[in-house]
Amino acid sequence: MKPLKLGIEAFGSLADRQTIDFAELGEHRLFLIHGSTGAGKQ
């Protein structure tokens, strides 16, 4: 089973609702969450 979408709200520094649509990745199974040090990646 693969997740299709992930919705989060008020998560760390992300106050607004954020949605990650895994279908947009297509056949690419690897993705990266990146940002500056202290930017709120958790």
PDB file of N, CA and C in Angstrom:
ATOM      1  N   MET A   1       0.841  -1.171   0.000  1.00  0.00           N
ATOM      2  CA  MET A   1       0.000   0.000   0.000  1.00  0.00           C
ATOM      3  C   MET A   1       0.888   1.237   0.000  1.00  0.00           C
ATOM      4  N   LYS A   2       0.565   2.206  -0.858  1.00  0.00           N
ATOM      5  CA  LYS A   2       1.328   3.441  -0.942  1.00  0.00           C
ATOM      6  C   LYS A   2       0.424   4.616  -0.585  1.00  0.00           C
ATOM      7  N   PRO A   3       0.932   5.556   0.191  1.00  0.00           N
ATOM      8  CA  PRO A   3       0.124   6.758   0.449  1.00  0.00           C
ATOM      9  C   PRO A   3       0.014   7.588  -0.829  1.00  0.00           C
ATOM     10  N   LEU A   4      -1.154   8.190  -1.048  1.00  0.00           N
ATOM     11  CA  LEU A   4      -1.361   9.026  -2.224  1.00  0.00           C
ATOM     12  C   LEU A   4      -1.187  10.501  -1.912  1.00  0.00           C
ATOM     13  N   LYS A   5      -1.675  10.923  -0.738  1.00  0.00           N
ATOM     14  CA  LYS A   5      -1.544  12.311  -0.305  1.00  0.00           C
ATOM     15  C   LYS A   5      -1.326  12.343   1.194  1.00  0.00           C
ATOM     16  N   LEU A   6      -0.618  13.357   1.625  1.00  0.00           N
ATOM     17  CA  LEU A   6      -0.400  13.577   3.051  1.00  0.00           C
ATOM     18  C   LEU A   6      -0.741  15.027   3.338  1.00  0.00           C
ATOM     19  N   GLY A   7      -1.650  15.251   4.276  1.00  0.00           N
ATOM     20  CA  GLY A   7      -2.022  16.604   4.674  1.00  0.00           C
ATOM     21  C   GLY A   7      -1.628  16.838   6.120  1.00  0.00           C
ATOM     22  N   ILE A   8      -0.956  17.958   6.389  1.00  0.00           N
ATOM     23  CA  ILE A   8      -0.559  18.295   7.752  1.00  0.00           C
ATOM     24  C   ILE A   8      -0.904  19.755   8.011  1.00  0.00           C
ATOM     25  N   GLU A   9      -1.148  20.068   9.265  1.00  0.00           N
ATOM     26  CA  GLU A   9      -1.485  21.438   9.647  1.00  0.00           C
ATOM     27  C   GLU A   9      -0.929  21.699  11.027  1.00  0.00           C
ATOM     28  N   ALA A  10      -0.386  22.903  11.228  1.00  0.00           N
ATOM     29  CA  ALA A  10       0.198  23.300  12.514  1.00  0.00           C
ATOM     30  C   ALA A  10       1.260  22.296  12.944  1.00  0.00           C
ATOM     31  N   PHE A  11       2.141  21.951  12.019  1.00  0.00           N
ATOM     32  CA  PHE A  11       3.214  20.991  12.267  1.00  0.00           C
ATOM     33  C   PHE A  11       4.529  21.750  12.296  1.00  0.00           C
ATOM     34  N   GLY A  12       5.117  21.878  13.469  1.00  0.00           N
ATOM     35  CA  GLY A  12       6.373  22.618  13.592  1.00  0.00           C
ATOM     36  C   GLY A  12       6.195  24.052  13.146  1.00  0.00           C
ATOM     37  N   SER A  13       7.011  24.488  12.220  1.00  0.00           N
ATOM     38  CA  SER A  13       6.937  25.871  11.739  1.00  0.00           C
ATOM     39  C   SER A  13       5.919  26.044  10.615  1.00  0.00           C
ATOM     40  N   LEU A  14       5.229  24.977  10.218  1.00  0.00           N
ATOM     41  CA  LEU A  14       4.242  25.043   9.136  1.00  0.00           C
ATOM     42  C   LEU A  14       2.853  25.268   9.727  1.00  0.00           C
ATOM     43  N   ALA A  15       2.489  26.513   9.951  1.00  0.00           N
ATOM     44  CA  ALA A  15       1.218  26.833  10.591  1.00  0.00           C
ATOM     45  C   ALA A  15       0.034  26.557   9.667  1.00  0.00           C
ATOM     46  N   ASP A  16       0.177  26.865   8.375  1.00  0.00           N
ATOM     47  CA  ASP A  16      -0.910  26.645   7.422  1.00  0.00           C
ATOM     48  C   ASP A  16      -0.951  25.182   7.001  1.00  0.00           C
ATOM     49  N   ARG A  17      -2.079  24.786   6.428  1.00  0.00           N
ATOM     50  CA  ARG A  17      -2.223  23.411   5.952  1.00  0.00           C
ATOM     51  C   ARG A  17      -1.303  23.180   4.762  1.00  0.00           C
ATOM     52  N   GLN A  18      -0.566  22.095   4.793  1.00  0.00           N
ATOM     53  CA  GLN A  18       0.333  21.697   3.716  1.00  0.00           C
ATOM     54  C   GLN A  18      -0.119  20.340   3.207  1.00  0.00           C
ATOM     55  N   THR A  19      -0.096  20.145   1.897  1.00  0.00           N
ATOM     56  CA  THR A  19      -0.473  18.863   1.311  1.00  0.00           C
ATOM     57  C   THR A  19       0.648  18.400   0.403  1.00  0.00           C
ATOM     58  N   ILE A  20       1.048  17.166   0.596  1.00  0.00           N
ATOM     59  CA  ILE A  20       2.051  16.543  -0.267  1.00  0.00           C
ATOM     60  C   ILE A  20       1.326  15.519  -1.118  1.00  0.00           C
ATOM     61  N   ASP A  21       1.358  15.701  -2.433  1.00  0.00           N
ATOM     62  CA  ASP A  21       0.701  14.789  -3.366  1.00  0.00           C
ATOM     63  C   ASP A  21       1.763  13.858  -3.941  1.00  0.00           C
ATOM     64  N   PHE A  22       1.809  12.632  -3.433  1.00  0.00           N
ATOM     65  CA  PHE A  22       2.833  11.685  -3.861  1.00  0.00           C
ATOM     66  C   PHE A  22       2.637  11.252  -5.309  1.00  0.00           C
ATOM     67  N   ALA A  23       1.441  11.407  -5.858  1.00  0.00           N
ATOM     68  CA  ALA A  23       1.193  11.049  -7.257  1.00  0.00           C
ATOM     69  C   ALA A  23       2.022  11.926  -8.194  1.00  0.00           C
ATOM     70  N   GLU A  24       2.361  13.139  -7.773  1.00  0.00           N
ATOM     71  CA  GLU A  24       3.173  14.033  -8.607  1.00  0.00           C
ATOM     72  C   GLU A  24       4.593  13.510  -8.802  1.00  0.00           C
ATOM     73  N   LEU A  25       5.013  12.594  -7.960  1.00  0.00           N
ATOM     74  CA  LEU A  25       6.361  12.039  -8.095  1.00  0.00           C
ATOM     75  C   LEU A  25       6.475  11.088  -9.278  1.00  0.00           C
ATOM     76  N   GLY A  26       5.338  10.575  -9.760  1.00  0.00           N
ATOM     77  CA  GLY A  26       5.359   9.617 -10.870  1.00  0.00           C
ATOM     78  C   GLY A  26       6.134   8.373 -10.481  1.00  0.00           C
ATOM     79  N   GLU A  27       7.070   7.985 -11.323  1.00  0.00           N
ATOM     80  CA  GLU A  27       7.870   6.795 -11.046  1.00  0.00           C
ATOM     81  C   GLU A  27       9.063   7.086 -10.145  1.00  0.00           C
ATOM     82  N   HIS A  28       9.300   8.359  -9.842  1.00  0.00           N
ATOM     83  CA  HIS A  28      10.410   8.733  -8.971  1.00  0.00           C
ATOM     84  C   HIS A  28       9.985   8.478  -7.523  1.00  0.00           C
ATOM     85  N   ARG A  29      10.611   7.541  -6.866  1.00  0.00           N
ATOM     86  CA  ARG A  29      10.190   7.144  -5.535  1.00  0.00           C
ATOM     87  C   ARG A  29      10.926   7.882  -4.427  1.00  0.00           C
ATOM     88  N   LEU A  30      11.962   8.592  -4.772  1.00  0.00           N
ATOM     89  CA  LEU A  30      12.781   9.273  -3.785  1.00  0.00           C
ATOM     90  C   LEU A  30      12.500  10.771  -3.839  1.00  0.00           C
ATOM     91  N   PHE A  31      12.303  11.398  -2.676  1.00  0.00           N
ATOM     92  CA  PHE A  31      12.120  12.840  -2.636  1.00  0.00           C
ATOM     93  C   PHE A  31      12.889  13.385  -1.452  1.00  0.00           C
ATOM     94  N   LEU A  32      13.121  14.679  -1.454  1.00  0.00           N
ATOM     95  CA  LEU A  32      13.963  15.316  -0.461  1.00  0.00           C
ATOM     96  C   LEU A  32      13.242  16.501   0.145  1.00  0.00           C
ATOM     97  N   ILE A  33      13.287  16.603   1.453  1.00  0.00           N
ATOM     98  CA  ILE A  33      12.816  17.785   2.154  1.00  0.00           C
ATOM     99  C   ILE A  33      14.062  18.541   2.562  1.00  0.00           C
ATOM    100  N   HIS A  34      14.228  19.772   2.059  1.00  0.00           N
ATOM    101  CA  HIS A  34      15.469  20.491   2.318  1.00  0.00           C
ATOM    102  C   HIS A  34      15.183  21.927   2.710  1.00  0.00           C
ATOM    103  N   GLY A  35      16.162  22.557   3.293  1.00  0.00           N
ATOM    104  CA  GLY A  35      16.062  23.944   3.696  1.00  0.00           C
ATOM    105  C   GLY A  35      17.240  24.317   4.563  1.00  0.00           C
ATOM    106  N   SER A  36      17.315  25.568   4.890  1.00  0.00           N
ATOM    107  CA  SER A  36      18.420  26.057   5.706  1.00  0.00           C
ATOM    108  C   SER A  36      18.371  25.468   7.115  1.00  0.00           C
ATOM    109  N   THR A  37      19.491  25.438   7.776  1.00  0.00           N
ATOM    110  CA  THR A  37      19.555  24.992   9.164  1.00  0.00           C
ATOM    111  C   THR A  37      18.665  25.912  10.007  1.00  0.00           C
ATOM    112  N   GLY A  38      17.808  25.320  10.807  1.00  0.00           N
ATOM    113  CA  GLY A  38      16.905  26.106  11.649  1.00  0.00           C
ATOM    114  C   GLY A  38      15.632  26.513  10.937  1.00  0.00           C
ATOM    115  N   ALA A  39      15.399  25.999   9.721  1.00  0.00           N
ATOM    116  CA  ALA A  39      14.222  26.388   8.952  1.00  0.00           C
ATOM    117  C   ALA A  39      12.973  25.619   9.356  1.00  0.00           C
ATOM    118  N   GLY A  40      13.077  24.650  10.261  1.00  0.00           N
ATOM    119  CA  GLY A  40      11.903  23.937  10.738  1.00  0.00           C
ATOM    120  C   GLY A  40      11.684  22.559  10.143  1.00  0.00           C
ATOM    121  N   LYS A  41      12.693  22.001   9.466  1.00  0.00           N
ATOM    122  CA  LYS A  41      12.559  20.626   8.972  1.00  0.00           C
ATOM    123  C   LYS A  41      12.524  19.703  10.183  1.00  0.00           C
ATOM    124  N   GLN A  42      11.571  18.818  10.200  1.00  0.00           N
ATOM    125  CA  GLN A  42      11.457  17.932  11.375  1.00  0.00           C
ATOM    126  C   GLN A  42      11.329  16.501  10.978  1.00  0.00           C
TER     127      GLN A  42
END
